[in-house]
């Protein structure tokens, strides 16, 4: 039992250390540390969120448009040509690049090399610990 608890403790500490390291390494400057696309580097995509009735993500462009969090500090625009722009904390076009939507999983790949994976449904995008809602 002691070895099991020791293994669980070591695993938890290793995971926390790795998460902190990846977050710190992902940002492209101190003003963006832990923020936006660069904040999330994931080897395991999140489970897809089922789409609400209506337009399914990826079908007929249901994911296209402008999405933002409640505070307005994170704004994401997904365009029909497969490109995106992310504004973060007042910085316009903090990240730009290409995106994919497959089976409810949204993948962002910025030109800087930063990447993030999240989920998209008819009413929300969940990415980098944020919940974004469709705007206007």
Protein backbone atom coordinates (compact mmCIF):
# COMPACT_ATOMS: atom_id res chain seq x y z
CA UNK A 1 0.00 0.00 0.00
CA UNK A 2 2.86 2.38 0.85
CA UNK A 3 4.48 1.82 -2.55
CA UNK A 4 1.14 2.52 -4.29
CA UNK A 5 0.72 5.81 -2.40
CA UNK A 6 4.33 6.74 -3.16
CA UNK A 7 3.71 6.01 -6.87
CA UNK A 8 0.53 8.13 -6.87
CA UNK A 9 2.35 11.00 -5.12
CA UNK A 10 5.33 10.86 -7.53
CA UNK A 11 2.99 10.68 -10.54
CA UNK A 12 0.97 13.70 -9.34
CA UNK A 13 4.11 15.75 -8.66
CA UNK A 14 5.58 14.83 -12.05
CA UNK A 15 2.36 15.79 -13.84
CA UNK A 16 2.18 19.15 -12.03
CA UNK A 17 5.83 19.88 -12.81
CA UNK A 18 5.39 18.96 -16.48
CA UNK A 19 2.28 21.14 -16.79
CA UNK A 20 4.09 24.13 -15.27
CA UNK A 21 7.10 23.60 -17.56
CA UNK A 22 4.99 23.29 -20.72
CA UNK A 23 2.99 26.39 -19.83
CA UNK A 24 6.14 28.43 -19.21
CA UNK A 25 7.83 27.21 -22.40
CA UNK A 26 4.79 27.73 -24.61
CA UNK A 27 4.48 31.52 -24.33
CA UNK A 28 6.32 33.72 -26.79
CA UNK A 29 7.04 36.49 -24.30
CA UNK A 30 6.58 37.40 -20.66
CA UNK A 31 3.41 39.34 -21.39
CA UNK A 32 1.83 36.17 -22.80
CA UNK A 33 3.12 33.66 -20.24
CA UNK A 34 0.41 31.15 -19.49
CA UNK A 35 -2.04 32.72 -21.93
CA UNK A 36 -3.90 31.95 -25.11
CA UNK A 37 -2.84 29.34 -27.65
CA UNK A 38 0.68 28.98 -26.28
CA UNK A 39 -0.61 28.02 -22.85
CA UNK A 40 -1.83 24.59 -23.90
CA UNK A 41 0.34 21.84 -25.32
CA UNK A 42 -1.55 18.58 -25.17
CA UNK A 43 -0.66 15.10 -26.31
CA UNK A 44 -4.19 13.89 -25.59
CA UNK A 45 -7.09 15.75 -27.22
CA UNK A 46 -10.09 16.33 -24.96
CA UNK A 47 -13.20 14.25 -25.38
CA UNK A 48 -15.53 15.83 -27.94
CA UNK A 49 -18.49 17.75 -26.58
CA UNK A 50 -21.73 16.61 -28.22
CA UNK A 51 -23.28 19.28 -30.39
CA UNK A 52 -26.60 20.72 -29.35
CA UNK A 53 -29.46 20.22 -31.76
CA UNK A 54 -29.08 22.53 -34.70
CA UNK A 55 -25.87 22.97 -36.65
CA UNK A 56 -23.18 20.44 -35.85
CA UNK A 57 -19.61 21.72 -35.50
CA UNK A 58 -17.82 21.54 -38.80
CA UNK A 59 -21.04 20.93 -40.71
CA UNK A 60 -21.91 23.81 -43.00
CA UNK A 61 -19.52 26.07 -41.09
CA UNK A 62 -21.33 25.89 -37.73
CA UNK A 63 -18.06 26.78 -35.99
CA UNK A 64 -17.32 29.89 -38.11
CA UNK A 65 -17.38 33.36 -36.65
CA UNK A 66 -16.20 35.24 -33.59
CA UNK A 67 -16.11 33.62 -30.13
CA UNK A 68 -15.12 35.30 -26.84
CA UNK A 69 -14.97 34.59 -23.12
CA UNK A 70 -17.26 36.47 -20.72
CA UNK A 71 -14.60 39.01 -19.70
CA UNK A 72 -13.63 39.76 -23.31
CA UNK A 73 -9.95 39.05 -22.58
CA UNK A 74 -9.91 36.20 -25.12
CA UNK A 75 -11.43 36.57 -28.60
CA UNK A 76 -11.15 33.93 -31.32
CA UNK A 77 -12.19 34.36 -34.95
CA UNK A 78 -12.55 31.21 -37.08
CA UNK A 79 -12.75 31.90 -40.83
CA UNK A 80 -14.06 29.76 -43.71
CA UNK A 81 -10.57 29.53 -45.27
CA UNK A 82 -9.30 27.52 -42.26
CA UNK A 83 -7.43 30.39 -40.62
CA UNK A 84 -7.90 31.92 -37.18
CA UNK A 85 -6.93 35.05 -35.28
CA UNK A 86 -6.81 35.19 -31.49
CA UNK A 87 -6.83 38.49 -29.59
CA UNK A 88 -5.61 38.13 -26.02
CA UNK A 89 -5.69 40.67 -23.17
CA UNK A 90 -6.08 43.60 -25.54
CA UNK A 91 -3.32 42.45 -27.90
CA UNK A 92 -4.84 42.27 -31.39
CA UNK A 93 -3.77 39.22 -33.41
CA UNK A 94 -1.72 37.83 -30.51
CA UNK A 95 -1.83 34.51 -32.37
CA UNK A 96 -2.67 33.72 -35.99
CA UNK A 97 -2.58 30.47 -37.89
CA UNK A 98 -4.62 27.55 -39.16
CA UNK A 99 -7.30 25.49 -37.45
CA UNK A 100 -9.06 22.17 -37.93
CA UNK A 101 -12.36 20.84 -36.61
CA UNK A 102 -12.80 17.07 -36.58
CA UNK A 103 -15.45 15.26 -34.58
CA UNK A 104 -16.00 18.18 -32.23
CA UNK A 105 -12.27 18.63 -31.55
CA UNK A 106 -10.82 22.04 -32.46
CA UNK A 107 -7.11 22.20 -33.20
CA UNK A 108 -5.32 25.56 -33.39
CA UNK A 109 -1.82 25.76 -34.90
CA UNK A 110 -0.29 29.24 -34.78
CA UNK A 111 2.37 30.40 -37.21
CA UNK A 112 4.69 30.79 -34.20
CA UNK A 113 4.53 27.03 -33.62
CA UNK A 114 2.22 27.28 -30.60
CA UNK A 115 -0.74 24.92 -30.57
CA UNK A 116 -3.87 24.17 -28.58
CA UNK A 117 -6.68 21.65 -28.72
CA UNK A 118 -10.19 22.15 -27.43
CA UNK A 119 -13.78 21.20 -28.05
CA UNK A 120 -16.42 22.94 -30.12
CA UNK A 121 -20.18 22.58 -29.86
CA UNK A 122 -23.08 24.59 -31.26
CA UNK A 123 -23.02 27.00 -28.31
CA UNK A 124 -19.45 27.04 -26.94
CA UNK A 125 -15.76 26.51 -27.59
CA UNK A 126 -13.76 25.22 -24.64
CA UNK A 127 -10.01 25.78 -24.98
CA UNK A 128 -7.07 26.76 -22.76
CA UNK A 129 -9.26 26.58 -19.67
CA UNK A 130 -11.70 29.10 -21.14
CA UNK A 131 -15.28 28.82 -22.31
CA UNK A 132 -15.96 30.98 -25.36
CA UNK A 133 -19.43 31.94 -26.58
CA UNK A 134 -20.45 32.96 -30.08
CA UNK A 135 -20.53 36.75 -30.52
CA UNK A 136 -23.14 38.82 -32.37
